[in-house]
N, C-alpha and C. Protein backbone atom coordinates (compact mmCIF):
# COMPACT_ATOMS: atom_id res chain seq x y z
N MET A 1 -73.18 -68.22 74.37
CA MET A 1 -73.49 -66.88 75.31
C MET A 1 -72.80 -66.06 74.91
N ARG A 2 -71.41 -65.77 74.46
CA ARG A 2 -70.73 -64.69 74.47
C ARG A 2 -71.32 -64.19 72.87
N LYS A 3 -71.65 -65.15 72.68
CA LYS A 3 -72.99 -64.51 70.61
C LYS A 3 -73.67 -63.94 71.35
N ARG A 4 -75.48 -64.32 72.15
CA ARG A 4 -75.94 -63.58 72.84
C ARG A 4 -75.23 -62.44 73.53
N PHE A 5 -74.18 -62.33 74.00
CA PHE A 5 -73.70 -60.88 74.51
C PHE A 5 -73.73 -59.94 73.41
N VAL A 6 -72.45 -60.16 72.35
CA VAL A 6 -72.23 -59.22 71.21
C VAL A 6 -74.06 -58.70 70.46
N VAL A 7 -74.63 -59.65 70.31
CA VAL A 7 -75.87 -59.31 70.36
C VAL A 7 -76.63 -57.90 71.19
N LEU A 8 -76.47 -58.86 71.85
CA LEU A 8 -77.11 -57.38 73.16
C LEU A 8 -76.66 -56.46 72.58
N THR A 9 -74.72 -56.48 72.43
CA THR A 9 -73.70 -55.40 72.91
C THR A 9 -74.68 -54.73 71.04
N SER A 10 -74.43 -55.09 70.31
CA SER A 10 -74.58 -54.63 69.41
C SER A 10 -76.35 -53.89 69.34
N ALA A 11 -76.77 -54.73 69.73
CA ALA A 11 -78.39 -53.55 69.47
C ALA A 11 -77.48 -53.28 70.05
N GLY A 12 -77.14 -52.62 71.43
CA GLY A 12 -77.37 -51.39 72.72
C GLY A 12 -77.31 -50.65 71.07
N VAL A 13 -75.58 -50.74 71.00
CA VAL A 13 -74.84 -49.91 70.00
C VAL A 13 -75.52 -49.18 69.47
N GLY A 14 -75.95 -50.22 68.26
CA GLY A 14 -77.29 -50.04 67.08
C GLY A 14 -78.81 -48.98 67.54
N ALA A 15 -78.66 -49.07 68.91
CA ALA A 15 -80.31 -48.29 69.46
C ALA A 15 -79.34 -46.98 70.02
N LEU A 16 -78.42 -47.03 70.20
CA LEU A 16 -77.43 -45.74 71.26
C LEU A 16 -77.48 -44.58 69.86
N MET A 17 -76.82 -45.56 68.73
CA MET A 17 -76.48 -44.66 67.76
C MET A 17 -77.97 -43.89 66.64
N PHE A 18 -78.63 -44.82 66.92
CA PHE A 18 -79.91 -44.39 66.61
C PHE A 18 -80.47 -42.96 67.19
N ILE A 19 -80.74 -43.62 68.56
CA ILE A 19 -80.50 -41.71 69.68
C ILE A 19 -79.54 -40.84 69.24
N LEU A 20 -78.20 -41.08 69.07
CA LEU A 20 -77.54 -40.01 69.49
C LEU A 20 -77.16 -39.62 67.62
N ALA A 21 -77.93 -39.98 66.74
CA ALA A 21 -78.64 -39.19 64.94
C ALA A 21 -79.45 -38.92 64.99
N ALA A 22 -80.79 -39.40 65.85
CA ALA A 22 -82.44 -38.93 65.36
C ALA A 22 -82.27 -37.09 66.16
N PRO A 23 -82.84 -36.53 64.40
CA PRO A 23 -81.98 -34.84 64.77
C PRO A 23 -83.50 -34.66 66.05
N ALA A 24 -83.18 -33.18 66.92
CA ALA A 24 -83.66 -32.85 67.77
C ALA A 24 -85.17 -32.27 67.23
N VAL A 25 -85.34 -32.52 68.26
CA VAL A 25 -87.42 -32.10 68.12
C VAL A 25 -87.28 -30.92 69.25
N ALA A 26 -88.13 -30.20 68.31
CA ALA A 26 -88.51 -28.44 68.13
C ALA A 26 -89.81 -28.71 69.29
N ALA A 27 -89.89 -27.61 70.05
CA ALA A 27 -90.57 -27.32 70.71
C ALA A 27 -92.74 -27.25 70.09
N PRO A 28 -93.67 -27.35 70.82
CA PRO A 28 -94.47 -27.27 69.73
C PRO A 28 -94.81 -25.98 69.92
N THR A 29 -94.29 -25.08 70.36
CA THR A 29 -95.81 -24.04 71.03
C THR A 29 -94.26 -22.80 71.44
N ALA A 30 -93.83 -21.37 70.91
CA ALA A 30 -93.49 -20.46 71.73
C ALA A 30 -93.78 -18.87 72.01
N ASP A 31 -93.87 -18.82 73.40
CA ASP A 31 -94.78 -17.46 73.29
C ASP A 31 -94.08 -16.32 73.39
N THR A 32 -94.51 -15.12 73.32
CA THR A 32 -94.25 -13.43 72.85
C THR A 32 -94.79 -13.06 73.90
N VAL A 33 -94.17 -11.77 74.56
CA VAL A 33 -95.46 -11.37 75.19
C VAL A 33 -95.59 -9.86 74.92
N VAL A 34 -96.35 -9.68 74.48
CA VAL A 34 -96.18 -8.45 73.81
C VAL A 34 -96.70 -6.57 74.60
N THR A 35 -96.94 -5.70 74.09
CA THR A 35 -97.69 -5.09 75.33
C THR A 35 -97.80 -3.69 73.97
N PHE A 36 -99.08 -3.01 74.70
CA PHE A 36 -99.31 -1.50 73.61
C PHE A 36 -99.94 -0.84 75.52
N SER A 37 -100.38 0.55 74.70
CA SER A 37 -101.18 0.77 75.08
C SER A 37 -102.41 1.58 74.53
N VAL A 38 -103.35 2.08 75.42
CA VAL A 38 -104.45 2.43 74.25
C VAL A 38 -104.90 4.42 75.14
N GLU A 39 -104.35 5.13 74.05
CA GLU A 39 -104.12 6.55 74.87
C GLU A 39 -105.66 7.02 75.13
N ALA A 40 -106.11 8.32 75.26
CA ALA A 40 -107.48 8.87 75.70
C ALA A 40 -107.26 9.50 74.31
N GLY A 41 -108.23 9.61 74.03
CA GLY A 41 -108.63 10.43 72.43
C GLY A 41 -109.68 12.07 73.56
N SER A 42 -110.20 12.42 72.17
CA SER A 42 -110.61 13.82 72.55
C SER A 42 -112.90 13.19 72.14
N LEU A 43 -113.09 14.42 72.88
CA LEU A 43 -114.30 14.90 72.29
C LEU A 43 -114.36 16.19 71.30
N ASP A 44 -114.99 15.81 70.74
CA ASP A 44 -115.72 16.61 68.83
C ASP A 44 -116.25 17.11 68.23
N ILE A 45 -116.68 18.64 67.86
CA ILE A 45 -118.01 17.76 66.97
C ILE A 45 -117.12 18.85 65.77
N VAL A 46 -117.91 18.18 64.52
CA VAL A 46 -117.62 18.61 63.17
C VAL A 46 -118.95 19.00 62.40
N ALA A 47 -119.38 20.27 62.43
CA ALA A 47 -121.11 20.46 61.44
C ALA A 47 -120.19 21.11 60.32
N PRO A 48 -121.15 21.69 59.00
CA PRO A 48 -120.27 22.23 58.62
C PRO A 48 -120.48 24.15 58.16
N ALA A 49 -119.49 24.19 57.19
CA ALA A 49 -119.27 25.96 58.16
C ALA A 49 -119.70 26.71 57.20
N GLY A 50 -120.09 26.78 56.05
CA GLY A 50 -121.33 27.00 55.56
C GLY A 50 -120.65 28.00 54.76
N PRO A 51 -121.26 29.63 53.45
CA PRO A 51 -122.31 29.29 54.35
C PRO A 51 -124.01 27.97 53.74
N ILE A 52 -124.44 28.09 54.29
CA ILE A 52 -126.06 26.56 53.42
C ILE A 52 -127.13 28.06 53.81
N ASP A 53 -127.40 28.25 52.38
CA ASP A 53 -128.33 28.59 51.63
C ASP A 53 -129.70 27.76 52.37
N LEU A 54 -130.31 28.18 52.76
CA LEU A 54 -131.74 27.40 52.72
C LEU A 54 -133.11 27.98 51.71
N GLY A 55 -133.19 28.65 50.71
CA GLY A 55 -133.84 28.94 50.16
C GLY A 55 -134.44 30.49 51.04
N SER A 56 -135.81 30.87 49.73
CA SER A 56 -136.17 32.33 50.57
C SER A 56 -138.28 32.23 50.70
N ALA A 57 -138.43 32.64 51.20
CA ALA A 57 -139.82 32.78 51.10
C ALA A 57 -140.22 34.43 51.27
N PRO A 58 -141.69 34.88 51.84
CA PRO A 58 -142.66 36.19 51.90
C PRO A 58 -142.16 35.55 53.57
N PRO A 59 -142.44 37.59 53.81
CA PRO A 59 -142.85 37.57 55.11
C PRO A 59 -144.11 37.16 55.52
N GLY A 60 -143.72 36.57 56.82
CA GLY A 60 -145.08 35.42 56.61
C GLY A 60 -145.25 34.64 56.27
N GLY A 61 -143.79 33.90 55.66
CA GLY A 61 -143.60 32.47 54.98
C GLY A 61 -143.25 31.24 55.21
N THR A 62 -142.32 30.66 55.43
CA THR A 62 -141.61 29.74 56.18
C THR A 62 -140.39 28.64 55.14
N ILE A 63 -139.66 28.92 55.60
CA ILE A 63 -138.32 28.28 55.10
C ILE A 63 -137.70 27.52 55.74
N THR A 64 -138.02 25.56 55.04
CA THR A 64 -136.59 24.93 55.62
C THR A 64 -136.13 24.51 54.86
N GLY A 65 -135.11 23.31 55.51
CA GLY A 65 -133.74 23.49 54.98
C GLY A 65 -132.49 22.17 56.12
N GLN A 66 -131.81 21.19 55.49
CA GLN A 66 -131.50 20.79 56.13
C GLN A 66 -129.49 21.71 56.13
N ILE A 67 -129.06 21.69 57.08
CA ILE A 67 -127.99 22.68 56.90
C ILE A 67 -126.66 21.22 56.93
N GLY A 68 -126.72 19.88 56.87
CA GLY A 68 -125.77 19.87 56.49
C GLY A 68 -125.71 18.39 57.70
N PRO A 69 -124.63 17.66 57.47
CA PRO A 69 -124.32 16.49 58.52
C PRO A 69 -123.36 17.20 59.90
N VAL A 70 -123.58 16.86 60.80
CA VAL A 70 -122.95 17.50 61.65
C VAL A 70 -122.70 15.90 62.86
N SER A 71 -121.48 15.52 63.02
CA SER A 71 -120.98 14.75 63.34
C SER A 71 -120.05 15.17 64.95
N VAL A 72 -120.25 14.40 66.11
CA VAL A 72 -119.53 14.29 67.32
C VAL A 72 -118.58 12.59 66.85
N SER A 73 -117.91 13.14 67.97
CA SER A 73 -116.52 11.43 67.39
C SER A 73 -116.02 11.78 69.11
N ASP A 74 -116.62 10.62 70.22
CA ASP A 74 -116.32 10.99 71.47
C ASP A 74 -114.82 9.61 71.35
N THR A 75 -113.22 9.44 71.40
CA THR A 75 -112.38 8.82 71.38
C THR A 75 -112.11 8.76 72.29
N ARG A 76 -112.57 9.46 73.88
CA ARG A 76 -110.82 9.18 75.11
C ARG A 76 -111.02 7.99 75.44
N GLY A 77 -111.78 7.06 75.40
CA GLY A 77 -111.96 6.27 75.68
C GLY A 77 -112.45 5.57 76.99
N GLY A 78 -113.17 6.22 77.84
CA GLY A 78 -113.43 6.38 79.55
C GLY A 78 -114.23 5.07 79.42
N ALA A 79 -114.66 4.97 80.72
CA ALA A 79 -115.78 3.42 80.83
C ALA A 79 -117.10 3.62 80.40
N ASP A 80 -117.42 5.21 80.45
CA ASP A 80 -118.78 5.22 80.23
C ASP A 80 -118.23 6.56 79.35
N SER A 81 -118.97 5.89 78.18
CA SER A 81 -119.03 7.11 76.50
C SER A 81 -120.54 8.12 76.67
N VAL A 82 -120.91 8.74 77.68
CA VAL A 82 -121.45 10.07 77.66
C VAL A 82 -121.12 11.39 77.43
N TRP A 83 -122.15 11.75 76.28
CA TRP A 83 -121.82 12.83 75.88
C TRP A 83 -122.80 13.65 74.91
N THR A 84 -122.79 15.05 75.44
CA THR A 84 -124.13 15.94 75.06
C THR A 84 -123.87 16.83 74.04
N ALA A 85 -124.56 16.71 72.24
CA ALA A 85 -123.97 17.97 71.66
C ALA A 85 -125.49 18.76 71.98
N THR A 86 -124.95 20.10 71.34
CA THR A 86 -126.19 20.84 71.21
C THR A 86 -126.11 22.54 71.09
N VAL A 87 -127.07 23.07 70.39
CA VAL A 87 -127.34 24.01 69.85
C VAL A 87 -127.79 25.34 69.98
N PHE A 88 -126.96 26.66 69.49
CA PHE A 88 -127.78 27.97 69.10
C PHE A 88 -126.88 28.69 68.52
N ALA A 89 -128.25 29.71 68.16
CA ALA A 89 -127.42 30.77 67.47
C ALA A 89 -127.51 32.45 67.87
N THR A 90 -126.92 32.93 66.88
CA THR A 90 -126.66 34.20 66.46
C THR A 90 -127.77 35.05 65.62
N ASP A 91 -128.77 36.33 66.11
CA ASP A 91 -130.13 36.88 65.81
C ASP A 91 -129.46 36.97 63.87
N PHE A 92 -130.36 36.77 62.43
CA PHE A 92 -129.94 36.62 61.43
C PHE A 92 -130.29 38.25 60.67
N THR A 93 -129.51 38.47 60.43
CA THR A 93 -128.97 40.67 60.00
C THR A 93 -128.62 40.32 58.27
N ASP A 94 -129.34 41.32 58.37
CA ASP A 94 -129.10 41.41 56.90
C ASP A 94 -129.14 43.57 57.12
N ALA A 95 -127.80 44.29 57.25
CA ALA A 95 -126.99 45.08 57.37
C ALA A 95 -128.16 45.93 58.93
N GLU A 96 -129.07 45.93 58.54
CA GLU A 96 -129.89 46.68 59.83
C GLU A 96 -130.90 45.92 60.11
N LEU A 97 -131.31 45.26 59.34
CA LEU A 97 -132.84 44.22 59.48
C LEU A 97 -132.19 43.21 60.20
N THR A 98 -132.78 42.14 61.21
CA THR A 98 -132.92 41.92 61.84
C THR A 98 -134.33 40.56 62.23
N ILE A 99 -134.04 39.22 61.98
CA ILE A 99 -134.63 38.41 61.83
C ILE A 99 -134.32 37.54 62.93
N PRO A 100 -134.69 37.73 64.49
CA PRO A 100 -133.83 37.14 65.82
C PRO A 100 -134.12 35.11 65.28
N PHE A 101 -133.20 35.36 66.37
CA PHE A 101 -132.73 33.49 66.51
C PHE A 101 -133.92 32.84 66.65
N THR A 102 -135.05 33.13 67.82
CA THR A 102 -136.32 32.77 68.23
C THR A 102 -137.56 32.21 67.29
N SER A 103 -136.86 33.46 65.96
CA SER A 103 -137.67 32.90 64.66
C SER A 103 -136.99 31.42 64.11
N VAL A 104 -136.20 30.90 64.14
CA VAL A 104 -136.06 30.12 63.94
C VAL A 104 -135.89 28.49 64.77
N GLU A 105 -136.60 27.40 63.92
CA GLU A 105 -136.66 26.60 65.02
C GLU A 105 -135.61 25.39 64.19
N TYR A 106 -134.92 24.45 65.84
CA TYR A 106 -134.62 23.47 64.66
C TYR A 106 -134.75 22.40 65.17
N TRP A 107 -134.40 21.10 64.16
CA TRP A 107 -135.04 19.69 64.56
C TRP A 107 -134.09 19.46 64.20
N SER A 108 -133.54 17.96 64.99
CA SER A 108 -132.24 17.18 64.70
C SER A 108 -132.50 16.30 64.05
N GLY A 109 -133.36 15.54 64.35
CA GLY A 109 -133.65 14.48 63.51
C GLY A 109 -133.11 12.91 63.48
N PRO A 110 -133.23 11.56 63.80
CA PRO A 110 -132.71 10.82 64.15
C PRO A 110 -130.99 11.03 63.75
N ALA A 111 -130.41 9.82 64.13
CA ALA A 111 -128.85 9.53 63.82
C ALA A 111 -128.30 8.72 62.32
N THR A 112 -127.93 9.36 61.77
CA THR A 112 -127.95 9.17 61.03
C THR A 112 -126.61 7.83 60.25
N ALA A 113 -125.57 7.84 60.96
CA ALA A 113 -125.10 7.57 61.48
C ALA A 113 -124.27 7.03 62.85
N THR A 114 -123.79 5.97 63.20
CA THR A 114 -123.48 5.54 64.59
C THR A 114 -122.73 4.53 64.63
N SER A 115 -121.37 4.83 65.80
CA SER A 115 -121.04 3.33 66.32
C SER A 115 -120.64 3.71 67.26
N GLY A 116 -119.64 2.21 67.76
CA GLY A 116 -120.06 2.12 69.31
C GLY A 116 -120.80 1.92 70.54
N GLY A 117 -121.36 1.41 71.61
CA GLY A 117 -121.98 0.62 72.05
C GLY A 117 -122.79 2.25 72.86
N GLY A 118 -123.98 1.75 73.70
CA GLY A 118 -124.82 2.46 74.29
C GLY A 118 -125.81 2.70 73.60
N VAL A 119 -126.02 4.29 73.21
CA VAL A 119 -128.18 4.44 73.42
C VAL A 119 -127.00 6.31 73.28
N PHE A 120 -128.24 5.92 72.06
CA PHE A 120 -127.93 7.58 71.16
C PHE A 120 -129.53 8.15 70.57
N ILE A 121 -129.36 9.34 71.40
CA ILE A 121 -130.51 10.13 71.89
C ILE A 121 -131.34 11.86 70.66
N PRO A 122 -132.15 11.23 70.48
CA PRO A 122 -132.02 12.80 69.28
C PRO A 122 -132.37 13.74 70.33
N GLY A 123 -131.76 15.23 69.90
CA GLY A 123 -133.14 15.86 70.74
C GLY A 123 -134.77 16.57 70.25
N GLN A 124 -134.52 16.03 68.90
CA GLN A 124 -136.09 16.32 68.03
C GLN A 124 -135.97 15.72 67.16
N PRO A 125 -136.31 13.99 67.60
CA PRO A 125 -136.91 12.79 66.75
C PRO A 125 -137.30 12.99 65.02
N THR A 126 -138.48 13.94 65.60
CA THR A 126 -139.50 13.98 64.53
C THR A 126 -139.85 15.26 64.19
N ALA A 127 -139.83 15.99 63.12
CA ALA A 127 -140.00 17.14 62.58
C ALA A 127 -141.72 17.94 63.48
N ASP A 128 -142.08 16.70 64.12
CA ASP A 128 -143.21 17.80 65.25
C ASP A 128 -142.52 17.80 66.22
N ASP A 129 -141.40 18.26 66.78
CA ASP A 129 -140.10 17.89 68.02
C ASP A 129 -139.93 19.24 67.38
N ALA A 130 -139.98 19.78 66.49
CA ALA A 130 -138.94 21.11 66.42
C ALA A 130 -139.32 21.83 67.71
N VAL A 131 -138.14 22.47 68.31
CA VAL A 131 -137.93 24.27 68.61
C VAL A 131 -136.92 24.84 68.52
N PRO A 132 -137.45 26.03 68.77
CA PRO A 132 -137.21 27.09 68.59
C PRO A 132 -135.79 27.51 68.69
N LEU A 133 -134.59 28.20 68.12
CA LEU A 133 -133.22 27.66 68.61
C LEU A 133 -133.08 29.09 70.53
N THR A 134 -132.18 28.77 70.78
CA THR A 134 -131.64 30.21 71.48
C THR A 134 -131.07 31.28 71.46
N GLY A 135 -130.57 31.53 72.46
CA GLY A 135 -128.96 33.21 72.05
C GLY A 135 -127.83 32.21 72.62
N THR A 136 -127.95 31.78 73.01
CA THR A 136 -126.33 31.68 73.91
C THR A 136 -125.68 30.28 74.02
N THR A 137 -125.38 30.15 74.83
CA THR A 137 -124.22 28.52 75.07
C THR A 137 -124.46 28.01 76.22
N GLN A 138 -125.30 29.09 77.02
CA GLN A 138 -125.76 28.46 78.44
C GLN A 138 -127.27 27.38 77.96
N THR A 139 -128.00 28.56 77.68
CA THR A 139 -129.70 27.86 77.04
C THR A 139 -129.96 27.39 75.69
N ALA A 140 -127.91 26.52 74.97
CA ALA A 140 -128.17 26.28 73.96
C ALA A 140 -129.17 24.89 73.69
N ILE A 141 -130.07 24.62 73.04
CA ILE A 141 -131.31 22.80 72.98
C ILE A 141 -130.08 21.92 72.65
N PRO A 142 -130.57 20.69 73.53
CA PRO A 142 -129.96 19.60 72.71
C PRO A 142 -130.49 18.94 71.64
N ALA A 143 -129.30 18.45 71.05
CA ALA A 143 -129.46 18.09 68.76
C ALA A 143 -129.00 16.85 69.55
N MET A 144 -128.58 16.39 69.71
CA MET A 144 -127.90 14.46 69.69
C MET A 144 -127.25 14.41 71.64
N ALA A 145 -127.54 13.20 71.96
CA ALA A 145 -126.86 13.30 73.51
C ALA A 145 -126.65 11.28 73.35
N HIS A 146 -125.38 10.83 74.04
CA HIS A 146 -125.51 9.26 73.85
C HIS A 146 -124.67 9.00 75.43
N THR A 147 -125.38 7.80 75.78
CA THR A 147 -124.88 7.38 77.17
C THR A 147 -124.39 5.88 77.08
N GLY A 148 -124.04 5.24 77.48
CA GLY A 148 -123.74 4.16 77.82
C GLY A 148 -122.54 4.13 77.45
N GLY A 149 -121.72 2.56 77.16
CA GLY A 149 -121.24 2.13 76.22
C GLY A 149 -120.06 2.56 76.56
N THR A 150 -118.16 2.01 76.43
CA THR A 150 -117.12 1.70 76.51
C THR A 150 -116.46 2.36 75.50
N GLY A 151 -115.72 3.18 76.03
CA GLY A 151 -114.34 3.39 75.15
C GLY A 151 -114.73 4.57 74.26
N GLY A 152 -115.27 4.19 72.89
CA GLY A 152 -115.67 5.56 72.50
C GLY A 152 -117.01 5.32 71.42
N SER A 153 -117.48 6.27 70.41
CA SER A 153 -118.48 6.04 69.84
C SER A 153 -118.81 7.37 68.87
N THR A 154 -120.00 7.59 68.19
CA THR A 154 -119.65 8.30 66.88
C THR A 154 -120.88 8.47 66.89
N ALA A 155 -121.44 9.65 65.84
CA ALA A 155 -123.08 10.11 66.03
C ALA A 155 -122.82 11.07 64.77
N THR A 156 -123.48 10.94 63.88
CA THR A 156 -123.77 11.78 62.48
C THR A 156 -125.81 12.28 62.51
N TRP A 157 -125.37 13.36 62.32
CA TRP A 157 -127.10 13.70 61.73
C TRP A 157 -127.32 15.03 61.07
N ASN A 158 -128.03 15.44 60.02
CA ASN A 158 -128.78 16.26 59.50
C ASN A 158 -129.52 16.90 60.27
N PRO A 159 -129.91 18.68 60.92
CA PRO A 159 -130.43 18.90 61.17
C PRO A 159 -131.37 19.84 60.32
N THR A 160 -132.56 19.98 60.40
CA THR A 160 -132.97 20.59 59.54
C THR A 160 -133.86 22.39 60.78
N LEU A 161 -133.38 23.03 59.81
CA LEU A 161 -133.61 24.82 60.15
C LEU A 161 -135.08 24.56 59.39
N ILE A 162 -136.43 25.89 60.44
CA ILE A 162 -137.44 25.32 59.72
C ILE A 162 -137.42 27.51 60.29
N VAL A 163 -137.36 28.03 59.07
CA VAL A 163 -138.00 29.74 59.41
C VAL A 163 -139.11 30.36 59.35
N ASN A 164 -139.54 30.25 60.11
CA ASN A 164 -139.92 31.50 60.59
C ASN A 164 -139.98 32.65 60.18
N VAL A 165 -140.21 33.15 58.78
CA VAL A 165 -140.04 34.57 58.85
C VAL A 165 -141.46 35.53 58.61
N PRO A 166 -141.01 36.04 59.82
CA PRO A 166 -142.46 37.42 60.16
C PRO A 166 -142.90 38.25 59.30
N ILE A 167 -143.84 38.34 59.79
CA ILE A 167 -144.80 39.17 58.78
C ILE A 167 -143.99 40.30 58.55
N THR A 168 -143.39 40.70 59.95
CA THR A 168 -142.86 42.22 59.61
C THR A 168 -141.21 42.07 59.08
N ALA A 169 -140.78 41.06 58.17
CA ALA A 169 -139.54 41.35 57.29
C ALA A 169 -139.63 42.25 56.88
N GLN A 170 -137.93 42.41 56.28
CA GLN A 170 -138.44 43.57 55.18
C GLN A 170 -136.96 42.42 54.35
N VAL A 171 -137.56 42.40 53.17
CA VAL A 171 -136.83 41.91 52.11
C VAL A 171 -135.16 42.16 52.34
N GLY A 172 -135.08 41.10 51.84
CA GLY A 172 -133.28 41.14 52.28
C GLY A 172 -132.34 39.64 52.11
N ASP A 173 -130.72 39.69 52.06
CA ASP A 173 -130.29 38.69 52.45
C ASP A 173 -130.32 38.56 53.59
N TYR A 174 -130.14 37.29 54.96
CA TYR A 174 -130.33 37.37 56.39
C TYR A 174 -129.03 36.47 56.72
N THR A 175 -128.15 36.25 57.47
CA THR A 175 -126.98 35.87 57.46
C THR A 175 -126.68 35.29 59.31
N GLY A 176 -126.88 34.30 59.60
CA GLY A 176 -126.19 34.10 61.00
C GLY A 176 -125.66 32.62 61.45
N THR A 177 -125.20 32.90 62.87
CA THR A 177 -124.69 31.68 62.26
C THR A 177 -125.17 30.80 64.00
N VAL A 178 -125.24 29.29 63.62
CA VAL A 178 -125.39 28.03 64.23
C VAL A 178 -124.38 27.69 64.34
N THR A 179 -124.08 27.18 66.07
CA THR A 179 -122.64 26.67 66.13
C THR A 179 -123.29 25.15 67.38
N HIS A 180 -123.11 24.58 66.87
CA HIS A 180 -123.10 23.61 67.81
C HIS A 180 -122.05 22.68 69.16
N GLN A 181 -122.49 22.48 69.45
CA GLN A 181 -121.11 22.41 71.26
C GLN A 181 -121.26 20.46 71.75
N VAL A 182 -120.33 20.22 72.05
CA VAL A 182 -120.52 19.84 72.59
C VAL A 182 -119.39 19.12 73.74
N ALA A 183 -120.66 18.64 75.04
CA ALA A 183 -119.39 18.67 76.09
C ALA A 183 -120.05 16.90 77.16
């Protein structure tokens, strides 16, 4: 019997030694809480500064040309990314000569690039939809709009101007300003 007790004691000591000598087991996961903030950005529009040369035509003719990419960037981060870009122009002049802004039509065409959710709506999707420019910010015509979506959005388009040169126009180099705005 003693032998058995010694054997049990030896086995018990051996098991105890094994448990004490065994390496520690690491936890299988470790969590770290991380925080950050998303801050409101801005609503911006960018258009070519120019001057953009559309070409030439005689009195009674038509000049057609694109003015280069116009882009809206909405990084306000709202629950609904809604904005409308509009456009208006000054009269086009050369010293004492004037071609009124109403002789110039605007055609936004479709967006050439977009990002973000929601729907992008061109002001004048096709050339047949071209409309005469207006002369003030209050009467500006729609160029591009965005509805729906959340967070931010961007859109780029390349508008076309159609100058209907009045039959009464005199020879000259006419200059005016086309202004895009977004709200």
